[in-house]
Structures are given as C-alpha cells and as structure tokens.
C-alpha atoms as a PDB file:
ATOM      1  CA  MET A   1      -0.002  -0.006  -0.015  1.00  0.00           C
ATOM      2  CA  PRO A   2       1.502   3.399  -0.940  1.00  0.00           C
ATOM      3  CA  ARG A   3       2.182   5.932   1.713  1.00  0.00           C
ATOM      4  CA  ALA A   4       0.946   9.511   1.576  1.00  0.00           C
ATOM      5  CA  PHE A   5       2.607  12.541   3.138  1.00  0.00           C
ATOM      6  CA  TYR A   6       0.800  14.263   6.029  1.00  0.00           C
ATOM      7  CA  LEU A   7       1.432  17.369   8.040  1.00  0.00           C
ATOM      8  CA  ILE A   8      -0.058  16.903  11.505  1.00  0.00           C
ATOM      9  CA  THR A   9      -0.371  19.694  14.072  1.00  0.00           C
ATOM     10  CA  TYR A  10      -1.887  19.801  17.533  1.00  0.00           C
ATOM     11  CA  ASP A  11      -2.874  22.271  20.195  1.00  0.00           C
ATOM     12  CA  VAL A  12      -3.530  20.518  23.516  1.00  0.00           C
ATOM     13  CA  PRO A  13      -3.473  22.545  26.747  1.00  0.00           C
ATOM     14  CA  ASP A  14      -3.271  19.577  29.126  1.00  0.00           C
ATOM     15  CA  ASP A  15       0.318  18.375  29.673  1.00  0.00           C
ATOM     16  CA  LYS A  16      -0.602  14.677  30.114  1.00  0.00           C
ATOM     17  CA  ARG A  17      -2.773  14.485  26.980  1.00  0.00           C
ATOM     18  CA  ARG A  18      -0.258  16.552  25.019  1.00  0.00           C
ATOM     19  CA  LEU A  19       2.561  14.143  25.906  1.00  0.00           C
ATOM     20  CA  LYS A  20       0.454  11.099  24.872  1.00  0.00           C
ATOM     21  CA  ILE A  21      -0.391  12.688  21.516  1.00  0.00           C
ATOM     22  CA  ALA A  22       3.243  13.673  20.908  1.00  0.00           C
ATOM     23  CA  LYS A  23       4.390  10.098  21.678  1.00  0.00           C
ATOM     24  CA  HIS A  24       1.929   8.658  19.160  1.00  0.00           C
ATOM     25  CA  LEU A  25       3.197  11.049  16.496  1.00  0.00           C
ATOM     26  CA  GLU A  26       6.877  10.668  17.363  1.00  0.00           C
ATOM     27  CA  ALA A  27       6.551   6.921  16.848  1.00  0.00           C
ATOM     28  CA  LEU A  28       5.510   7.449  13.260  1.00  0.00           C
ATOM     29  CA  GLY A  29       7.155  10.578  11.890  1.00  0.00           C
ATOM     30  CA  ASP A  30       9.455  13.515  12.214  1.00  0.00           C
ATOM     31  CA  ARG A  31       8.854  16.390  14.615  1.00  0.00           C
ATOM     32  CA  VAL A  32       9.599  19.529  12.540  1.00  0.00           C
ATOM     33  CA  GLN A  33       8.420  22.026  15.162  1.00  0.00           C
ATOM     34  CA  TYR A  34       7.224  21.620  18.717  1.00  0.00           C
ATOM     35  CA  SER A  35       3.643  20.686  17.785  1.00  0.00           C
ATOM     36  CA  VAL A  36       4.085  19.910  14.087  1.00  0.00           C
ATOM     37  CA  PHE A  37       4.971  16.575  12.524  1.00  0.00           C
ATOM     38  CA  GLU A  38       5.629  15.324   9.005  1.00  0.00           C
ATOM     39  CA  ILE A  39       4.538  11.728   8.653  1.00  0.00           C
ATOM     40  CA  TRP A  40       4.284   9.197   5.798  1.00  0.00           C
ATOM     41  CA  LEU A  41       1.312   6.864   6.327  1.00  0.00           C
ATOM     42  CA  THR A  42      -0.675   4.233   4.512  1.00  0.00           C
ATOM     43  CA  PRO A  43      -4.466   4.581   4.697  1.00  0.00           C
ATOM     44  CA  LYS A  44      -4.558   1.834   7.308  1.00  0.00           C
ATOM     45  CA  GLU A  45      -1.851   3.498   9.419  1.00  0.00           C
ATOM     46  CA  LEU A  46      -3.740   6.821   9.215  1.00  0.00           C
ATOM     47  CA  LYS A  47      -6.974   5.170  10.370  1.00  0.00           C
ATOM     48  CA  THR A  48      -5.155   3.509  13.303  1.00  0.00           C
ATOM     49  CA  LEU A  49      -3.455   6.808  14.269  1.00  0.00           C
ATOM     50  CA  VAL A  50      -6.714   8.744  14.181  1.00  0.00           C
ATOM     51  CA  SER A  51      -8.374   6.072  16.371  1.00  0.00           C
ATOM     52  CA  ARG A  52      -5.552   6.314  18.915  1.00  0.00           C
ATOM     53  CA  LEU A  53      -5.632  10.127  18.939  1.00  0.00           C
ATOM     54  CA  GLU A  54      -9.416  10.209  19.414  1.00  0.00           C
ATOM     55  CA  LYS A  55      -9.022   8.052  22.551  1.00  0.00           C
ATOM     56  CA  VAL A  56      -6.728  10.684  24.090  1.00  0.00           C
ATOM     57  CA  LEU A  57      -8.372  13.915  22.841  1.00  0.00           C
ATOM     58  CA  GLU A  58     -10.886  16.017  24.724  1.00  0.00           C
ATOM     59  CA  GLU A  59     -12.950  17.466  21.879  1.00  0.00           C
ATOM     60  CA  GLU A  60     -14.040  20.454  23.916  1.00  0.00           C
ATOM     61  CA  GLU A  61     -10.406  21.526  24.648  1.00  0.00           C
ATOM     62  CA  ASP A  62      -7.982  19.979  22.151  1.00  0.00           C
ATOM     63  CA  SER A  63      -7.280  20.317  18.457  1.00  0.00           C
ATOM     64  CA  VAL A  64      -5.444  17.999  16.061  1.00  0.00           C
ATOM     65  CA  ARG A  65      -5.249  18.888  12.370  1.00  0.00           C
ATOM     66  CA  ILE A  66      -4.182  16.446   9.667  1.00  0.00           C
ATOM     67  CA  TYR A  67      -3.248  17.865   6.268  1.00  0.00           C
ATOM     68  CA  ALA A  68      -2.637  15.527   3.377  1.00  0.00           C
ATOM     69  CA  LEU A  69      -0.043  16.938   0.989  1.00  0.00           C
ATOM     70  CA  CYS A  70       0.132  15.606  -2.585  1.00  0.00           C
ATOM     71  CA  GLU A  71       3.542  15.055  -4.147  1.00  0.00           C
ATOM     72  CA  ALA A  72       3.293  18.288  -6.128  1.00  0.00           C
ATOM     73  CA  CYS A  73       2.403  20.242  -2.965  1.00  0.00           C
ATOM     74  CA  ARG A  74       5.145  18.566  -0.973  1.00  0.00           C
ATOM     75  CA  GLY A  75       7.602  19.732  -3.589  1.00  0.00           C
ATOM     76  CA  LYS A  76       6.469  23.308  -3.065  1.00  0.00           C
ATOM     77  CA  VAL A  77       7.065  23.373   0.696  1.00  0.00           C
ATOM     78  CA  ARG A  78       9.239  26.370   1.545  1.00  0.00           C
ATOM     79  CA  ILE A  79      11.462  26.316   4.565  1.00  0.00           C
ATOM     80  CA  HIS A  80      13.040  29.491   5.893  1.00  0.00           C
ATOM     81  CA  GLY A  81      15.767  28.808   8.392  1.00  0.00           C
ATOM     82  CA  LEU A  82      16.689  25.361   9.719  1.00  0.00           C
ATOM     83  CA  GLY A  83      15.212  22.102   8.573  1.00  0.00           C
ATOM     84  CA  GLN A  84      14.270  20.038   5.579  1.00  0.00           C
ATOM     85  CA  VAL A  85      11.139  18.320   4.327  1.00  0.00           C
ATOM     86  CA  SER A  86      10.947  14.717   5.533  1.00  0.00           C
ATOM     87  CA  PRO A  87      11.957  12.358   2.720  1.00  0.00           C
ATOM     88  CA  PRO A  88       9.815   9.351   1.762  1.00  0.00           C
ATOM     89  CA  PRO A  89      10.460   6.148   3.787  1.00  0.00           C
ATOM     90  CA  GLY A  90      13.432   4.222   2.522  1.00  0.00           C
ATOM     91  CA  VAL A  91      15.133   7.224   0.941  1.00  0.00           C
ATOM     92  CA  VAL A  92      18.568   8.169   2.233  1.00  0.00           C
ATOM     93  CA  ILE A  93      19.956  11.621   1.631  1.00  0.00           C
ATOM     94  CA  LEU A  94      23.725  11.849   1.788  1.00  0.00           C
END
C-alpha cells in the first residue's frame, strides 16, 4: 500500500494528553516544530493513528489537524531557516 505525506499539528493545553499525543506522532514521523509533525502513512496507518488520537483527545479543549499533501504540494514546501522536508520512507539523503 502506498504511503501519503501528512502534516499533523496539535494544540492541547493539558500536559498529560499533549505528551500522549506527541508520543503517538513521534513513533511514526518527524517532529519539525514543537507541535508539528511530517509523517508518511498508509491509509490503514492513518486510520489507526486517528483512532488512537481520538481516545486521548478532549474534543471540547484539544485540536489535532491532519493535512494531506500531494507530491506536487510537498515539492512546493518552503522552509526558511533550519530544517528540511521529511523524505519518503526508505530514501537516504547523503
């Protein structure tokens, strides 16, 4: 199953819930800013991740946003300052 590129952000005021969400995301992708991750996921992995996040989230207080970026859009990501766009899985940049 092919993987798609996602930008996932969160805003969670509770320290305990925020840590749980961050751990779920860190297990799958690259943290590019404090509450922003770039992650390559299959549809099944995305469904599993969303299910896990929903178990932690308080919908009245928390926000998680998942943006799917097509290959053309990923190629247009502009970074000012430090960092690079996360490469596809299995790609090594020397």
